[in-house]
C-alpha atoms as a PDB file:
ATOM      1  CA  MET A   1      94.060-112.888-127.281  1.00  0.00           C
ATOM      2  CA  GLY A   2      95.576-115.172-130.020  1.00  0.00           C
ATOM      3  CA  ARG A   3      95.992-114.783-133.622  1.00  0.00           C
ATOM      4  CA  PRO A   4      95.164-118.011-135.609  1.00  0.00           C
ATOM      5  CA  ARG A   5      94.595-117.506-139.623  1.00  0.00           C
ATOM      6  CA  GLY A   6      91.344-115.917-139.575  1.00  0.00           C
ATOM      7  CA  GLY A   7      92.723-113.245-137.371  1.00  0.00           C
ATOM      8  CA  LEU A   8      92.183-112.582-133.602  1.00  0.00           C
ATOM      9  CA  THR A   9      89.838-114.695-132.039  1.00  0.00           C
ATOM     10  CA  THR A  10      89.274-115.716-128.469  1.00  0.00           C
ATOM     11  CA  LYS A  11      87.524-119.023-126.946  1.00  0.00           C
ATOM     12  CA  ILE A  12      84.827-119.089-124.127  1.00  0.00           C
ATOM     13  CA  HIS A  13      84.604-121.958-121.589  1.00  0.00           C
ATOM     14  CA  ALA A  14      81.763-122.411-119.361  1.00  0.00           C
ATOM     15  CA  LEU A  15      80.734-124.797-117.025  1.00  0.00           C
ATOM     16  CA  VAL A  16      77.439-124.682-115.744  1.00  0.00           C
ATOM     17  CA  ASP A  17      75.656-126.622-112.877  1.00  0.00           C
ATOM     18  CA  ALA A  18      72.242-128.624-113.346  1.00  0.00           C
ATOM     19  CA  ARG A  19      69.662-125.616-113.777  1.00  0.00           C
ATOM     20  CA  GLY A  20      72.556-124.182-116.622  1.00  0.00           C
ATOM     21  CA  LEU A  21      73.794-121.471-114.399  1.00  0.00           C
ATOM     22  CA  PRO A  22      77.437-120.632-114.440  1.00  0.00           C
ATOM     23  CA  ILE A  23      80.169-121.854-112.216  1.00  0.00           C
ATOM     24  CA  THR A  24      83.279-121.111-113.651  1.00  0.00           C
ATOM     25  CA  LEU A  25      83.907-119.286-116.805  1.00  0.00           C
ATOM     26  CA  LYS A  26      87.414-118.679-118.573  1.00  0.00           C
ATOM     27  CA  LEU A  27      88.921-116.821-121.535  1.00  0.00           C
ATOM     28  CA  THR A  28      91.705-118.550-123.669  1.00  0.00           C
ATOM     29  CA  PRO A  29      93.252-117.825-127.078  1.00  0.00           C
ATOM     30  CA  GLY A  30      91.324-119.391-130.166  1.00  0.00           C
ATOM     31  CA  GLN A  31      93.856-121.507-131.126  1.00  0.00           C
ATOM     32  CA  ALA A  32      94.290-123.268-127.778  1.00  0.00           C
ATOM     33  CA  HIS A  33      93.154-127.028-127.388  1.00  0.00           C
ATOM     34  CA  ASP A  34      89.615-127.093-125.231  1.00  0.00           C
ATOM     35  CA  GLY A  35      91.093-129.788-123.267  1.00  0.00           C
ATOM     36  CA  ARG A  36      94.344-128.513-121.643  1.00  0.00           C
ATOM     37  CA  SER A  37      92.395-125.304-120.104  1.00  0.00           C
ATOM     38  CA  ALA A  38      90.198-127.716-118.462  1.00  0.00           C
ATOM     39  CA  ALA A  39      92.477-129.208-115.408  1.00  0.00           C
ATOM     40  CA  ASP A  40      92.278-125.919-113.516  1.00  0.00           C
ATOM     41  CA  MET A  41      87.984-125.248-114.234  1.00  0.00           C
ATOM     42  CA  LEU A  42      87.322-128.532-112.543  1.00  0.00           C
ATOM     43  CA  ALA A  43      88.516-127.509-109.059  1.00  0.00           C
ATOM     44  CA  THR A  44      84.137-127.090-108.152  1.00  0.00           C
ATOM     45  CA  LEU A  45      83.733-130.795-108.554  1.00  0.00           C
ATOM     46  CA  GLY A  46      83.715-133.166-106.174  1.00  0.00           C
ATOM     47  CA  ASP A  47      82.145-136.409-104.579  1.00  0.00           C
ATOM     48  CA  GLY A  48      78.950-137.544-106.810  1.00  0.00           C
ATOM     49  CA  ASP A  49      79.089-134.958-109.467  1.00  0.00           C
ATOM     50  CA  MET A  50      78.755-135.280-113.048  1.00  0.00           C
ATOM     51  CA  LEU A  51      80.820-133.668-115.791  1.00  0.00           C
ATOM     52  CA  LEU A  52      79.298-133.834-119.147  1.00  0.00           C
ATOM     53  CA  ALA A  53      81.335-132.646-121.882  1.00  0.00           C
ATOM     54  CA  ASP A  54      82.239-133.110-125.704  1.00  0.00           C
ATOM     55  CA  ARG A  55      84.919-135.016-127.422  1.00  0.00           C
ATOM     56  CA  ALA A  56      87.687-132.341-127.279  1.00  0.00           C
ATOM     57  CA  TYR A  57      87.529-133.215-122.927  1.00  0.00           C
ATOM     58  CA  ASP A  58      88.376-136.968-123.543  1.00  0.00           C
ATOM     59  CA  SER A  59      91.986-137.858-122.279  1.00  0.00           C
ATOM     60  CA  ASP A  60      93.141-140.131-120.008  1.00  0.00           C
ATOM     61  CA  ALA A  61      94.705-137.331-117.838  1.00  0.00           C
ATOM     62  CA  LEU A  62      91.228-135.037-117.807  1.00  0.00           C
ATOM     63  CA  ARG A  63      89.683-138.594-116.970  1.00  0.00           C
ATOM     64  CA  ALA A  64      91.875-139.521-114.271  1.00  0.00           C
ATOM     65  CA  ASP A  65      92.021-135.989-112.472  1.00  0.00           C
ATOM     66  CA  ILE A  66      87.995-136.096-112.276  1.00  0.00           C
ATOM     67  CA  VAL A  67      87.937-139.804-111.176  1.00  0.00           C
ATOM     68  CA  ALA A  68      90.333-138.137-108.353  1.00  0.00           C
ATOM     69  CA  ARG A  69      87.888-135.862-107.194  1.00  0.00           C
ATOM     70  CA  GLY A  70      85.193-138.607-106.891  1.00  0.00           C
ATOM     71  CA  ALA A  71      83.128-136.877-109.805  1.00  0.00           C
ATOM     72  CA  TRP A  72      81.788-139.129-112.558  1.00  0.00           C
ATOM     73  CA  ALA A  73      82.862-138.420-116.381  1.00  0.00           C
ATOM     74  CA  ASN A  74      80.144-138.838-119.076  1.00  0.00           C
ATOM     75  CA  VAL A  75      82.734-137.731-122.013  1.00  0.00           C
ATOM     76  CA  ARG A  76      81.936-138.446-125.517  1.00  0.00           C
ATOM     77  CA  PRO A  77      84.797-140.998-126.566  1.00  0.00           C
ATOM     78  CA  MET A  78      87.142-139.653-130.033  1.00  0.00           C
ATOM     79  CA  PRO A  79      86.290-142.278-132.664  1.00  0.00           C
ATOM     80  CA  ASN A  80      89.461-143.551-132.644  1.00  0.00           C
ATOM     81  CA  ARG A  81      90.032-144.091-128.799  1.00  0.00           C
ATOM     82  CA  LYS A  82      91.164-147.940-128.316  1.00  0.00           C
ATOM     83  CA  GLN A  83      90.233-148.084-124.439  1.00  0.00           C
ATOM     84  CA  ARG A  84      85.987-147.316-124.428  1.00  0.00           C
ATOM     85  CA  PHE A  85      84.775-145.586-121.197  1.00  0.00           C
ATOM     86  CA  ALA A  86      81.345-146.068-119.769  1.00  0.00           C
ATOM     87  CA  PHE A  87      78.968-143.301-121.731  1.00  0.00           C
ATOM     88  CA  SER A  88      75.749-142.468-121.477  1.00  0.00           C
ATOM     89  CA  PRO A  89      73.996-141.262-124.596  1.00  0.00           C
ATOM     90  CA  PHE A  90      71.101-140.267-122.530  1.00  0.00           C
ATOM     91  CA  LEU A  91      73.190-138.246-120.170  1.00  0.00           C
ATOM     92  CA  TYR A  92      74.833-136.337-122.736  1.00  0.00           C
ATOM     93  CA  ARG A  93      71.765-134.671-123.900  1.00  0.00           C
ATOM     94  CA  TYR A  94      71.517-132.758-120.835  1.00  0.00           C
ATOM     95  CA  ARG A  95      75.016-131.031-122.042  1.00  0.00           C
ATOM     96  CA  ASN A  96      73.076-128.962-123.834  1.00  0.00           C
ATOM     97  CA  LEU A  97      72.435-126.697-120.703  1.00  0.00           C
ATOM     98  CA  VAL A  98      75.776-124.818-121.673  1.00  0.00           C
ATOM     99  CA  GLU A  99      74.739-124.195-124.549  1.00  0.00           C
ATOM    100  CA  ARG A 100      71.488-122.919-123.593  1.00  0.00           C
ATOM    101  CA  PHE A 101      73.278-120.563-120.773  1.00  0.00           C
ATOM    102  CA  PHE A 102      75.454-119.006-123.879  1.00  0.00           C
ATOM    103  CA  ASN A 103      72.208-118.189-125.721  1.00  0.00           C
ATOM    104  CA  MET A 104      70.626-117.096-122.550  1.00  0.00           C
ATOM    105  CA  ARG A 105      69.190-113.134-121.944  1.00  0.00           C
ATOM    106  CA  ARG A 106      68.534-111.920-118.622  1.00  0.00           C
END
C-alpha cells in the first residue's frame, strides 16, 4: 500500500478486547503514523473502557477523544512529554494481549 525506502509495506492495526479477541482491524500504508489512524478505530470505546497503547498513540488530541467517550487511557508517555498523565506500568503489561492476537493460530 505504501512505498517507503524499503519497498512496499503495510501496517495492520488491531483493537482487541480483554480476552485478546479482535474488535476492529485496519490496514494503513507502512509509512503512515500510527496515532493518526487510531481516531476512527476508537469508536467502540465507551464509558469505563480502558485503552492500553504504546507511545505512538501518545497525543493530546487522542487523549481528549478518549476522555470525551468516557474511557480511560493508559498510554505509555513519550520521553520528551512536558505534561505527564497518569500511567500504570502494571496495567500496561496487559497490552501484550494485542501482541498475542497477532501470533494466534486458530
